[in-house]
ModelCIF file with pLDDT and N, C-alpha, C, O atoms, coordinates in Angstrom:
data_MODEL
#
_entry.id   MODEL 
#
_entity.id                         1 
_entity.type                       polymer 
_entity.pdbx_number_of_molecules   1 
#
_entity_poly.entity_id                      1 
_entity_poly.type                           'polypeptide(L)' 
_entity_poly.nstd_linkage                   no 
_entity_poly.nstd_monomer                   no 
_entity_poly.pdbx_seq_one_letter_code       
;(UNK)(UNK)(UNK)(UNK)(UNK)(UNK)(UNK)(UNK)(UNK)(UNK)(UNK)(UNK)(UNK)(UNK)(UNK)(UNK)
(UNK)(UNK)(UNK)(UNK)(UNK)(UNK)(UNK)(UNK)(UNK)(UNK)(UNK)(UNK)(UNK)(UNK)(UNK)(UNK)
(UNK)(UNK)(UNK)(UNK)(UNK)(UNK)(UNK)(UNK)(UNK)(UNK)(UNK)(UNK)(UNK)(UNK)
;
_entity_poly.pdbx_seq_one_letter_code_can   XXXXXXXXXXXXXXXXXXXXXXXXXXXXXXXXXXXXXXXXXXXXXX 
_entity_poly.pdbx_strand_id                 A 
#
loop_
_entity_poly_seq.entity_id 
_entity_poly_seq.num 
_entity_poly_seq.mon_id 
_entity_poly_seq.hetero 
1 1  UNK n 
1 2  UNK n 
1 3  UNK n 
1 4  UNK n 
1 5  UNK n 
1 6  UNK n 
1 7  UNK n 
1 8  UNK n 
1 9  UNK n 
1 10 UNK n 
1 11 UNK n 
1 12 UNK n 
1 13 UNK n 
1 14 UNK n 
1 15 UNK n 
1 16 UNK n 
1 17 UNK n 
1 18 UNK n 
1 19 UNK n 
1 20 UNK n 
1 21 UNK n 
1 22 UNK n 
1 23 UNK n 
1 24 UNK n 
1 25 UNK n 
1 26 UNK n 
1 27 UNK n 
1 28 UNK n 
1 29 UNK n 
1 30 UNK n 
1 31 UNK n 
1 32 UNK n 
1 33 UNK n 
1 34 UNK n 
1 35 UNK n 
1 36 UNK n 
1 37 UNK n 
1 38 UNK n 
1 39 UNK n 
1 40 UNK n 
1 41 UNK n 
1 42 UNK n 
1 43 UNK n 
1 44 UNK n 
1 45 UNK n 
1 46 UNK n 
#
_struct_asym.id          A 
_struct_asym.entity_id   1 
#
loop_
_ma_qa_metric.id 
_ma_qa_metric.mode 
_ma_qa_metric.name 
_ma_qa_metric.software_group_id 
_ma_qa_metric.type 
1 global pLDDT . pLDDT 
2 local  pLDDT . pLDDT 
#
_ma_qa_metric_global.metric_id      1 
_ma_qa_metric_global.metric_value   76.59 
_ma_qa_metric_global.model_id       1 
_ma_qa_metric_global.ordinal_id     1 
#
loop_
_ma_qa_metric_local.label_asym_id 
_ma_qa_metric_local.label_comp_id 
_ma_qa_metric_local.label_seq_id 
_ma_qa_metric_local.metric_id 
_ma_qa_metric_local.metric_value 
_ma_qa_metric_local.model_id 
_ma_qa_metric_local.ordinal_id 
A UNK 1  2 81.00 1 1  
A UNK 2  2 83.00 1 2  
A UNK 3  2 84.00 1 3  
A UNK 4  2 82.00 1 4  
A UNK 5  2 82.00 1 5  
A UNK 6  2 82.00 1 6  
A UNK 7  2 81.00 1 7  
A UNK 8  2 77.00 1 8  
A UNK 9  2 79.00 1 9  
A UNK 10 2 78.00 1 10 
A UNK 11 2 75.00 1 11 
A UNK 12 2 73.00 1 12 
A UNK 13 2 69.00 1 13 
A UNK 14 2 66.00 1 14 
A UNK 15 2 68.00 1 15 
A UNK 16 2 64.00 1 16 
A UNK 17 2 66.00 1 17 
A UNK 18 2 68.00 1 18 
A UNK 19 2 71.00 1 19 
A UNK 20 2 76.00 1 20 
A UNK 21 2 75.00 1 21 
A UNK 22 2 77.00 1 22 
A UNK 23 2 79.00 1 23 
A UNK 24 2 80.00 1 24 
A UNK 25 2 79.00 1 25 
A UNK 26 2 82.00 1 26 
A UNK 27 2 81.00 1 27 
A UNK 28 2 81.00 1 28 
A UNK 29 2 82.00 1 29 
A UNK 30 2 81.00 1 30 
A UNK 31 2 82.00 1 31 
A UNK 32 2 80.00 1 32 
A UNK 33 2 80.00 1 33 
A UNK 34 2 80.00 1 34 
A UNK 35 2 80.00 1 35 
A UNK 36 2 74.00 1 36 
A UNK 37 2 76.00 1 37 
A UNK 38 2 72.00 1 38 
A UNK 39 2 73.00 1 39 
A UNK 40 2 74.00 1 40 
A UNK 41 2 73.00 1 41 
A UNK 42 2 75.00 1 42 
A UNK 43 2 75.00 1 43 
A UNK 44 2 73.00 1 44 
A UNK 45 2 76.00 1 45 
A UNK 46 2 78.00 1 46 
#
loop_
_atom_site.group_PDB 
_atom_site.id 
_atom_site.type_symbol 
_atom_site.label_atom_id 
_atom_site.label_alt_id 
_atom_site.label_comp_id 
_atom_site.label_asym_id 
_atom_site.label_entity_id 
_atom_site.label_seq_id 
_atom_site.pdbx_PDB_ins_code 
_atom_site.Cartn_x 
_atom_site.Cartn_y 
_atom_site.Cartn_z 
_atom_site.occupancy 
_atom_site.B_iso_or_equiv 
_atom_site.pdbx_formal_charge 
_atom_site.auth_seq_id 
_atom_site.auth_comp_id 
_atom_site.auth_asym_id 
_atom_site.auth_atom_id 
_atom_site.pdbx_PDB_model_num 
ATOM 1   N N  . UNK A 1 1  ? -15.787 -104.858 -64.766 1.00 81.00 ? 1  UNK A N  1 
ATOM 2   C CA . UNK A 1 1  ? -16.660 -104.582 -63.632 1.00 81.00 ? 1  UNK A CA 1 
ATOM 3   C C  . UNK A 1 1  ? -17.865 -103.739 -64.012 1.00 81.00 ? 1  UNK A C  1 
ATOM 4   O O  . UNK A 1 1  ? -18.972 -103.971 -63.525 1.00 81.00 ? 1  UNK A O  1 
ATOM 5   N N  . UNK A 1 2  ? -17.647 -102.744 -64.898 1.00 83.00 ? 2  UNK A N  1 
ATOM 6   C CA . UNK A 1 2  ? -18.751 -101.905 -65.347 1.00 83.00 ? 2  UNK A CA 1 
ATOM 7   C C  . UNK A 1 2  ? -19.763 -102.718 -66.144 1.00 83.00 ? 2  UNK A C  1 
ATOM 8   O O  . UNK A 1 2  ? -20.969 -102.520 -65.995 1.00 83.00 ? 2  UNK A O  1 
ATOM 9   N N  . UNK A 1 3  ? -19.286 -103.635 -66.993 1.00 84.00 ? 3  UNK A N  1 
ATOM 10  C CA . UNK A 1 3  ? -20.197 -104.481 -67.768 1.00 84.00 ? 3  UNK A CA 1 
ATOM 11  C C  . UNK A 1 3  ? -21.026 -105.373 -66.857 1.00 84.00 ? 3  UNK A C  1 
ATOM 12  O O  . UNK A 1 3  ? -22.231 -105.522 -67.056 1.00 84.00 ? 3  UNK A O  1 
ATOM 13  N N  . UNK A 1 4  ? -20.379 -105.966 -65.857 1.00 82.00 ? 4  UNK A N  1 
ATOM 14  C CA . UNK A 1 4  ? -21.117 -106.818 -64.923 1.00 82.00 ? 4  UNK A CA 1 
ATOM 15  C C  . UNK A 1 4  ? -22.168 -106.014 -64.157 1.00 82.00 ? 4  UNK A C  1 
ATOM 16  O O  . UNK A 1 4  ? -23.299 -106.468 -63.984 1.00 82.00 ? 4  UNK A O  1 
ATOM 17  N N  . UNK A 1 5  ? -21.793 -104.831 -63.703 1.00 82.00 ? 5  UNK A N  1 
ATOM 18  C CA . UNK A 1 5  ? -22.757 -103.987 -62.983 1.00 82.00 ? 5  UNK A CA 1 
ATOM 19  C C  . UNK A 1 5  ? -23.920 -103.574 -63.873 1.00 82.00 ? 5  UNK A C  1 
ATOM 20  O O  . UNK A 1 5  ? -25.069 -103.566 -63.432 1.00 82.00 ? 5  UNK A O  1 
ATOM 21  N N  . UNK A 1 6  ? -23.626 -103.233 -65.123 1.00 82.00 ? 6  UNK A N  1 
ATOM 22  C CA . UNK A 1 6  ? -24.693 -102.790 -66.025 1.00 82.00 ? 6  UNK A CA 1 
ATOM 23  C C  . UNK A 1 6  ? -25.668 -103.922 -66.313 1.00 82.00 ? 6  UNK A C  1 
ATOM 24  O O  . UNK A 1 6  ? -26.882 -103.715 -66.286 1.00 82.00 ? 6  UNK A O  1 
ATOM 25  N N  . UNK A 1 7  ? -25.148 -105.123 -66.590 1.00 81.00 ? 7  UNK A N  1 
ATOM 26  C CA . UNK A 1 7  ? -26.025 -106.262 -66.875 1.00 81.00 ? 7  UNK A CA 1 
ATOM 27  C C  . UNK A 1 7  ? -26.848 -106.630 -65.640 1.00 81.00 ? 7  UNK A C  1 
ATOM 28  O O  . UNK A 1 7  ? -28.051 -106.873 -65.739 1.00 81.00 ? 7  UNK A O  1 
ATOM 29  N N  . UNK A 1 8  ? -26.196 -106.670 -64.479 1.00 77.00 ? 8  UNK A N  1 
ATOM 30  C CA . UNK A 1 8  ? -26.921 -107.021 -63.255 1.00 77.00 ? 8  UNK A CA 1 
ATOM 31  C C  . UNK A 1 8  ? -27.981 -105.969 -62.920 1.00 77.00 ? 8  UNK A C  1 
ATOM 32  O O  . UNK A 1 8  ? -29.103 -106.317 -62.551 1.00 77.00 ? 8  UNK A O  1 
ATOM 33  N N  . UNK A 1 9  ? -27.636 -104.697 -63.045 1.00 79.00 ? 9  UNK A N  1 
ATOM 34  C CA . UNK A 1 9  ? -28.595 -103.642 -62.722 1.00 79.00 ? 9  UNK A CA 1 
ATOM 35  C C  . UNK A 1 9  ? -29.769 -103.651 -63.687 1.00 79.00 ? 9  UNK A C  1 
ATOM 36  O O  . UNK A 1 9  ? -30.908 -103.447 -63.268 1.00 79.00 ? 9  UNK A O  1 
ATOM 37  N N  . UNK A 1 10 ? -29.513 -103.886 -64.986 1.00 78.00 ? 10 UNK A N  1 
ATOM 38  C CA . UNK A 1 10 ? -30.609 -103.924 -65.955 1.00 78.00 ? 10 UNK A CA 1 
ATOM 39  C C  . UNK A 1 10 ? -31.541 -105.100 -65.698 1.00 78.00 ? 10 UNK A C  1 
ATOM 40  O O  . UNK A 1 10 ? -32.753 -104.983 -65.881 1.00 78.00 ? 10 UNK A O  1 
ATOM 41  N N  . UNK A 1 11 ? -30.984 -106.237 -65.272 1.00 75.00 ? 11 UNK A N  1 
ATOM 42  C CA . UNK A 1 11 ? -31.844 -107.384 -64.975 1.00 75.00 ? 11 UNK A CA 1 
ATOM 43  C C  . UNK A 1 11 ? -32.667 -107.146 -63.704 1.00 75.00 ? 11 UNK A C  1 
ATOM 44  O O  . UNK A 1 11 ? -33.817 -107.578 -63.622 1.00 75.00 ? 11 UNK A O  1 
ATOM 45  N N  . UNK A 1 12 ? -32.089 -106.468 -62.722 1.00 73.00 ? 12 UNK A N  1 
ATOM 46  C CA . UNK A 1 12 ? -32.850 -106.142 -61.516 1.00 73.00 ? 12 UNK A CA 1 
ATOM 47  C C  . UNK A 1 12 ? -33.920 -105.086 -61.796 1.00 73.00 ? 12 UNK A C  1 
ATOM 48  O O  . UNK A 1 12 ? -35.006 -105.121 -61.217 1.00 73.00 ? 12 UNK A O  1 
ATOM 49  N N  . UNK A 1 13 ? -33.597 -104.141 -62.697 1.00 69.00 ? 13 UNK A N  1 
ATOM 50  C CA . UNK A 1 13 ? -34.528 -103.048 -62.951 1.00 69.00 ? 13 UNK A CA 1 
ATOM 51  C C  . UNK A 1 13 ? -35.793 -103.497 -63.656 1.00 69.00 ? 13 UNK A C  1 
ATOM 52  O O  . UNK A 1 13 ? -36.760 -102.739 -63.719 1.00 69.00 ? 13 UNK A O  1 
ATOM 53  N N  . UNK A 1 14 ? -35.811 -104.721 -64.192 1.00 66.00 ? 14 UNK A N  1 
ATOM 54  C CA . UNK A 1 14 ? -37.024 -105.202 -64.854 1.00 66.00 ? 14 UNK A CA 1 
ATOM 55  C C  . UNK A 1 14 ? -38.170 -105.395 -63.873 1.00 66.00 ? 14 UNK A C  1 
ATOM 56  O O  . UNK A 1 14 ? -39.335 -105.333 -64.267 1.00 66.00 ? 14 UNK A O  1 
ATOM 57  N N  . UNK A 1 15 ? -37.861 -105.627 -62.610 1.00 68.00 ? 15 UNK A N  1 
ATOM 58  C CA . UNK A 1 15 ? -38.880 -105.830 -61.584 1.00 68.00 ? 15 UNK A CA 1 
ATOM 59  C C  . UNK A 1 15 ? -38.799 -104.680 -60.587 1.00 68.00 ? 15 UNK A C  1 
ATOM 60  O O  . UNK A 1 15 ? -37.773 -104.525 -59.925 1.00 68.00 ? 15 UNK A O  1 
ATOM 61  N N  . UNK A 1 16 ? -39.847 -103.869 -60.458 1.00 64.00 ? 16 UNK A N  1 
ATOM 62  C CA . UNK A 1 16 ? -39.769 -102.719 -59.539 1.00 64.00 ? 16 UNK A CA 1 
ATOM 63  C C  . UNK A 1 16 ? -39.501 -103.111 -58.095 1.00 64.00 ? 16 UNK A C  1 
ATOM 64  O O  . UNK A 1 16 ? -38.940 -102.312 -57.345 1.00 64.00 ? 16 UNK A O  1 
ATOM 65  N N  . UNK A 1 17 ? -39.883 -104.316 -57.679 1.00 66.00 ? 17 UNK A N  1 
ATOM 66  C CA . UNK A 1 17 ? -39.674 -104.707 -56.292 1.00 66.00 ? 17 UNK A CA 1 
ATOM 67  C C  . UNK A 1 17 ? -38.214 -105.004 -55.977 1.00 66.00 ? 17 UNK A C  1 
ATOM 68  O O  . UNK A 1 17 ? -37.842 -105.105 -54.808 1.00 66.00 ? 17 UNK A O  1 
ATOM 69  N N  . UNK A 1 18 ? -37.372 -105.147 -57.020 1.00 68.00 ? 18 UNK A N  1 
ATOM 70  C CA . UNK A 1 18 ? -35.968 -105.481 -56.796 1.00 68.00 ? 18 UNK A CA 1 
ATOM 71  C C  . UNK A 1 18 ? -35.071 -104.255 -56.740 1.00 68.00 ? 18 UNK A C  1 
ATOM 72  O O  . UNK A 1 18 ? -33.861 -104.398 -56.567 1.00 68.00 ? 18 UNK A O  1 
ATOM 73  N N  . UNK A 1 19 ? -35.620 -103.058 -56.881 1.00 71.00 ? 19 UNK A N  1 
ATOM 74  C CA . UNK A 1 19 ? -34.771 -101.875 -56.917 1.00 71.00 ? 19 UNK A CA 1 
ATOM 75  C C  . UNK A 1 19 ? -34.102 -101.632 -55.567 1.00 71.00 ? 19 UNK A C  1 
ATOM 76  O O  . UNK A 1 19 ? -32.907 -101.345 -55.502 1.00 71.00 ? 19 UNK A O  1 
ATOM 77  N N  . UNK A 1 20 ? -34.882 -101.748 -54.488 1.00 76.00 ? 20 UNK A N  1 
ATOM 78  C CA . UNK A 1 20 ? -34.291 -101.569 -53.153 1.00 76.00 ? 20 UNK A CA 1 
ATOM 79  C C  . UNK A 1 20 ? -33.294 -102.679 -52.865 1.00 76.00 ? 20 UNK A C  1 
ATOM 80  O O  . UNK A 1 20 ? -32.258 -102.440 -52.245 1.00 76.00 ? 20 UNK A O  1 
ATOM 81  N N  . UNK A 1 21 ? -33.602 -103.903 -53.316 1.00 75.00 ? 21 UNK A N  1 
ATOM 82  C CA . UNK A 1 21 ? -32.686 -105.013 -53.120 1.00 75.00 ? 21 UNK A CA 1 
ATOM 83  C C  . UNK A 1 21 ? -31.365 -104.762 -53.833 1.00 75.00 ? 21 UNK A C  1 
ATOM 84  O O  . UNK A 1 21 ? -30.304 -105.127 -53.326 1.00 75.00 ? 21 UNK A O  1 
ATOM 85  N N  . UNK A 1 22 ? -31.425 -104.141 -55.008 1.00 77.00 ? 22 UNK A N  1 
ATOM 86  C CA . UNK A 1 22 ? -30.201 -103.845 -55.748 1.00 77.00 ? 22 UNK A CA 1 
ATOM 87  C C  . UNK A 1 22 ? -29.304 -102.876 -54.976 1.00 77.00 ? 22 UNK A C  1 
ATOM 88  O O  . UNK A 1 22 ? -28.087 -103.059 -54.927 1.00 77.00 ? 22 UNK A O  1 
ATOM 89  N N  . UNK A 1 23 ? -29.904 -101.845 -54.374 1.00 79.00 ? 23 UNK A N  1 
ATOM 90  C CA . UNK A 1 23 ? -29.117 -100.897 -53.583 1.00 79.00 ? 23 UNK A CA 1 
ATOM 91  C C  . UNK A 1 23 ? -28.527 -101.581 -52.352 1.00 79.00 ? 23 UNK A C  1 
ATOM 92  O O  . UNK A 1 23 ? -27.386 -101.312 -51.979 1.00 79.00 ? 23 UNK A O  1 
ATOM 93  N N  . UNK A 1 24 ? -29.306 -102.468 -51.718 1.00 80.00 ? 24 UNK A N  1 
ATOM 94  C CA . UNK A 1 24 ? -28.795 -103.199 -50.555 1.00 80.00 ? 24 UNK A CA 1 
ATOM 95  C C  . UNK A 1 24 ? -27.618 -104.080 -50.961 1.00 80.00 ? 24 UNK A C  1 
ATOM 96  O O  . UNK A 1 24 ? -26.620 -104.149 -50.242 1.00 80.00 ? 24 UNK A O  1 
ATOM 97  N N  . UNK A 1 25 ? -27.725 -104.757 -52.113 1.00 79.00 ? 25 UNK A N  1 
ATOM 98  C CA . UNK A 1 25 ? -26.623 -105.596 -52.583 1.00 79.00 ? 25 UNK A CA 1 
ATOM 99  C C  . UNK A 1 25 ? -25.387 -104.745 -52.876 1.00 79.00 ? 25 UNK A C  1 
ATOM 100 O O  . UNK A 1 25 ? -24.260 -105.176 -52.633 1.00 79.00 ? 25 UNK A O  1 
ATOM 101 N N  . UNK A 1 26 ? -25.601 -103.539 -53.397 1.00 82.00 ? 26 UNK A N  1 
ATOM 102 C CA . UNK A 1 26 ? -24.466 -102.649 -53.638 1.00 82.00 ? 26 UNK A CA 1 
ATOM 103 C C  . UNK A 1 26 ? -23.758 -102.267 -52.347 1.00 82.00 ? 26 UNK A C  1 
ATOM 104 O O  . UNK A 1 26 ? -22.529 -102.235 -52.295 1.00 82.00 ? 26 UNK A O  1 
ATOM 105 N N  . UNK A 1 27 ? -24.532 -101.978 -51.306 1.00 81.00 ? 27 UNK A N  1 
ATOM 106 C CA . UNK A 1 27 ? -23.921 -101.655 -50.011 1.00 81.00 ? 27 UNK A CA 1 
ATOM 107 C C  . UNK A 1 27 ? -23.190 -102.861 -49.430 1.00 81.00 ? 27 UNK A C  1 
ATOM 108 O O  . UNK A 1 27 ? -22.137 -102.712 -48.811 1.00 81.00 ? 27 UNK A O  1 
ATOM 109 N N  . UNK A 1 28 ? -23.751 -104.066 -49.628 1.00 81.00 ? 28 UNK A N  1 
ATOM 110 C CA . UNK A 1 28 ? -23.063 -105.272 -49.176 1.00 81.00 ? 28 UNK A CA 1 
ATOM 111 C C  . UNK A 1 28 ? -21.742 -105.449 -49.922 1.00 81.00 ? 28 UNK A C  1 
ATOM 112 O O  . UNK A 1 28 ? -20.739 -105.841 -49.326 1.00 81.00 ? 28 UNK A O  1 
ATOM 113 N N  . UNK A 1 29 ? -21.739 -105.158 -51.236 1.00 82.00 ? 29 UNK A N  1 
ATOM 114 C CA . UNK A 1 29 ? -20.513 -105.267 -52.020 1.00 82.00 ? 29 UNK A CA 1 
ATOM 115 C C  . UNK A 1 29 ? -19.455 -104.282 -51.519 1.00 82.00 ? 29 UNK A C  1 
ATOM 116 O O  . UNK A 1 29 ? -18.268 -104.604 -51.485 1.00 82.00 ? 29 UNK A O  1 
ATOM 117 N N  . UNK A 1 30 ? -19.891 -103.085 -51.133 1.00 81.00 ? 30 UNK A N  1 
ATOM 118 C CA . UNK A 1 30 ? -18.938 -102.113 -50.572 1.00 81.00 ? 30 UNK A CA 1 
ATOM 119 C C  . UNK A 1 30 ? -18.334 -102.658 -49.276 1.00 81.00 ? 30 UNK A C  1 
ATOM 120 O O  . UNK A 1 30 ? -17.132 -102.532 -49.045 1.00 81.00 ? 30 UNK A O  1 
ATOM 121 N N  . UNK A 1 31 ? -19.175 -103.263 -48.433 1.00 82.00 ? 31 UNK A N  1 
ATOM 122 C CA . UNK A 1 31 ? -18.655 -103.832 -47.196 1.00 82.00 ? 31 UNK A CA 1 
ATOM 123 C C  . UNK A 1 31 ? -17.673 -104.967 -47.445 1.00 82.00 ? 31 UNK A C  1 
ATOM 124 O O  . UNK A 1 31 ? -16.654 -105.071 -46.761 1.00 82.00 ? 31 UNK A O  1 
ATOM 125 N N  . UNK A 1 32 ? -17.975 -105.825 -48.428 1.00 80.00 ? 32 UNK A N  1 
ATOM 126 C CA . UNK A 1 32 ? -17.053 -106.921 -48.760 1.00 80.00 ? 32 UNK A CA 1 
ATOM 127 C C  . UNK A 1 32 ? -15.738 -106.372 -49.275 1.00 80.00 ? 32 UNK A C  1 
ATOM 128 O O  . UNK A 1 32 ? -14.672 -106.866 -48.909 1.00 80.00 ? 32 UNK A O  1 
ATOM 129 N N  . UNK A 1 33 ? -15.803 -105.336 -50.137 1.00 80.00 ? 33 UNK A N  1 
ATOM 130 C CA . UNK A 1 33 ? -14.570 -104.735 -50.654 1.00 80.00 ? 33 UNK A CA 1 
ATOM 131 C C  . UNK A 1 33 ? -13.749 -104.107 -49.531 1.00 80.00 ? 33 UNK A C  1 
ATOM 132 O O  . UNK A 1 33 ? -12.522 -104.214 -49.523 1.00 80.00 ? 33 UNK A O  1 
ATOM 133 N N  . UNK A 1 34 ? -14.418 -103.454 -48.586 1.00 80.00 ? 34 UNK A N  1 
ATOM 134 C CA . UNK A 1 34 ? -13.695 -102.846 -47.462 1.00 80.00 ? 34 UNK A CA 1 
ATOM 135 C C  . UNK A 1 34 ? -13.053 -103.909 -46.580 1.00 80.00 ? 34 UNK A C  1 
ATOM 136 O O  . UNK A 1 34 ? -11.932 -103.733 -46.103 1.00 80.00 ? 34 UNK A O  1 
ATOM 137 N N  . UNK A 1 35 ? -13.767 -105.016 -46.363 1.00 80.00 ? 35 UNK A N  1 
ATOM 138 C CA . UNK A 1 35 ? -13.197 -106.104 -45.551 1.00 80.00 ? 35 UNK A CA 1 
ATOM 139 C C  . UNK A 1 35 ? -11.969 -106.689 -46.253 1.00 80.00 ? 35 UNK A C  1 
ATOM 140 O O  . UNK A 1 35 ? -10.951 -106.966 -45.619 1.00 80.00 ? 35 UNK A O  1 
ATOM 141 N N  . UNK A 1 36 ? -12.081 -106.872 -47.570 1.00 74.00 ? 36 UNK A N  1 
ATOM 142 C CA . UNK A 1 36 ? -10.924 -107.379 -48.309 1.00 74.00 ? 36 UNK A CA 1 
ATOM 143 C C  . UNK A 1 36 ? -9.756  -106.421 -48.289 1.00 74.00 ? 36 UNK A C  1 
ATOM 144 O O  . UNK A 1 36 ? -8.604  -106.842 -48.182 1.00 74.00 ? 36 UNK A O  1 
ATOM 145 N N  . UNK A 1 37 ? -10.046 -105.122 -48.392 1.00 76.00 ? 37 UNK A N  1 
ATOM 146 C CA . UNK A 1 37 ? -8.980  -104.126 -48.326 1.00 76.00 ? 37 UNK A CA 1 
ATOM 147 C C  . UNK A 1 37 ? -8.300  -104.132 -46.958 1.00 76.00 ? 37 UNK A C  1 
ATOM 148 O O  . UNK A 1 37 ? -7.108  -103.839 -46.854 1.00 76.00 ? 37 UNK A O  1 
ATOM 149 N N  . UNK A 1 38 ? -9.048  -104.461 -45.921 1.00 72.00 ? 38 UNK A N  1 
ATOM 150 C CA . UNK A 1 38 ? -8.484  -104.489 -44.579 1.00 72.00 ? 38 UNK A CA 1 
ATOM 151 C C  . UNK A 1 38 ? -7.597  -105.685 -44.283 1.00 72.00 ? 38 UNK A C  1 
ATOM 152 O O  . UNK A 1 38 ? -6.972  -105.740 -43.223 1.00 72.00 ? 38 UNK A O  1 
ATOM 153 N N  . UNK A 1 39 ? -7.527  -106.660 -45.212 1.00 73.00 ? 39 UNK A N  1 
ATOM 154 C CA . UNK A 1 39 ? -6.623  -107.792 -45.034 1.00 73.00 ? 39 UNK A CA 1 
ATOM 155 C C  . UNK A 1 39 ? -7.302  -109.109 -44.765 1.00 73.00 ? 39 UNK A C  1 
ATOM 156 O O  . UNK A 1 39 ? -6.614  -110.102 -44.533 1.00 73.00 ? 39 UNK A O  1 
ATOM 157 N N  . UNK A 1 40 ? -8.628  -109.169 -44.783 1.00 74.00 ? 40 UNK A N  1 
ATOM 158 C CA . UNK A 1 40 ? -9.307  -110.434 -44.492 1.00 74.00 ? 40 UNK A CA 1 
ATOM 159 C C  . UNK A 1 40 ? -9.077  -111.455 -45.594 1.00 74.00 ? 40 UNK A C  1 
ATOM 160 O O  . UNK A 1 40 ? -8.907  -112.642 -45.315 1.00 74.00 ? 40 UNK A O  1 
ATOM 161 N N  . UNK A 1 41 ? -9.070  -111.005 -46.841 1.00 73.00 ? 41 UNK A N  1 
ATOM 162 C CA . UNK A 1 41 ? -8.859  -111.936 -47.941 1.00 73.00 ? 41 UNK A CA 1 
ATOM 163 C C  . UNK A 1 41 ? -7.433  -112.482 -47.954 1.00 73.00 ? 41 UNK A C  1 
ATOM 164 O O  . UNK A 1 41 ? -7.206  -113.631 -48.332 1.00 73.00 ? 41 UNK A O  1 
ATOM 165 N N  . UNK A 1 42 ? -6.481  -111.658 -47.541 1.00 75.00 ? 42 UNK A N  1 
ATOM 166 C CA . UNK A 1 42 ? -5.097  -112.140 -47.454 1.00 75.00 ? 42 UNK A CA 1 
ATOM 167 C C  . UNK A 1 42 ? -4.995  -113.255 -46.422 1.00 75.00 ? 42 UNK A C  1 
ATOM 168 O O  . UNK A 1 42 ? -4.337  -114.269 -46.657 1.00 75.00 ? 42 UNK A O  1 
ATOM 169 N N  . UNK A 1 43 ? -5.645  -113.067 -45.283 1.00 75.00 ? 43 UNK A N  1 
ATOM 170 C CA . UNK A 1 43 ? -5.649  -114.099 -44.241 1.00 75.00 ? 43 UNK A CA 1 
ATOM 171 C C  . UNK A 1 43 ? -6.344  -115.363 -44.727 1.00 75.00 ? 43 UNK A C  1 
ATOM 172 O O  . UNK A 1 43 ? -5.861  -116.470 -44.489 1.00 75.00 ? 43 UNK A O  1 
ATOM 173 N N  . UNK A 1 44 ? -7.490  -115.200 -45.416 1.00 73.00 ? 44 UNK A N  1 
ATOM 174 C CA . UNK A 1 44 ? -8.211  -116.364 -45.928 1.00 73.00 ? 44 UNK A CA 1 
ATOM 175 C C  . UNK A 1 44 ? -7.393  -117.094 -46.992 1.00 73.00 ? 44 UNK A C  1 
ATOM 176 O O  . UNK A 1 44 ? -7.381  -118.325 -47.029 1.00 73.00 ? 44 UNK A O  1 
ATOM 177 N N  . UNK A 1 45 ? -6.708  -116.341 -47.858 1.00 76.00 ? 45 UNK A N  1 
ATOM 178 C CA . UNK A 1 45 ? -5.880  -116.970 -48.882 1.00 76.00 ? 45 UNK A CA 1 
ATOM 179 C C  . UNK A 1 45 ? -4.736  -117.765 -48.252 1.00 76.00 ? 45 UNK A C  1 
ATOM 180 O O  . UNK A 1 45 ? -4.401  -118.852 -48.721 1.00 76.00 ? 45 UNK A O  1 
ATOM 181 N N  . UNK A 1 46 ? -4.142  -117.225 -47.195 1.00 78.00 ? 46 UNK A N  1 
ATOM 182 C CA . UNK A 1 46 ? -3.069  -117.947 -46.523 1.00 78.00 ? 46 UNK A CA 1 
ATOM 183 C C  . UNK A 1 46 ? -3.567  -119.261 -45.923 1.00 78.00 ? 46 UNK A C  1 
ATOM 184 O O  . UNK A 1 46 ? -2.788  -119.998 -45.318 1.00 78.00 ? 46 UNK A O  1 
#
């Protein structure tokens, strides 16, 4: 996970306009992880 984050962040950091987008994507990832922790992925897998 750290390797994926580092590669993705370095590729986004090449363009200054993508820095805010990178933070927004990080917040979206937190929301997806929280939804999965709450049991949504278990329901979808079933």
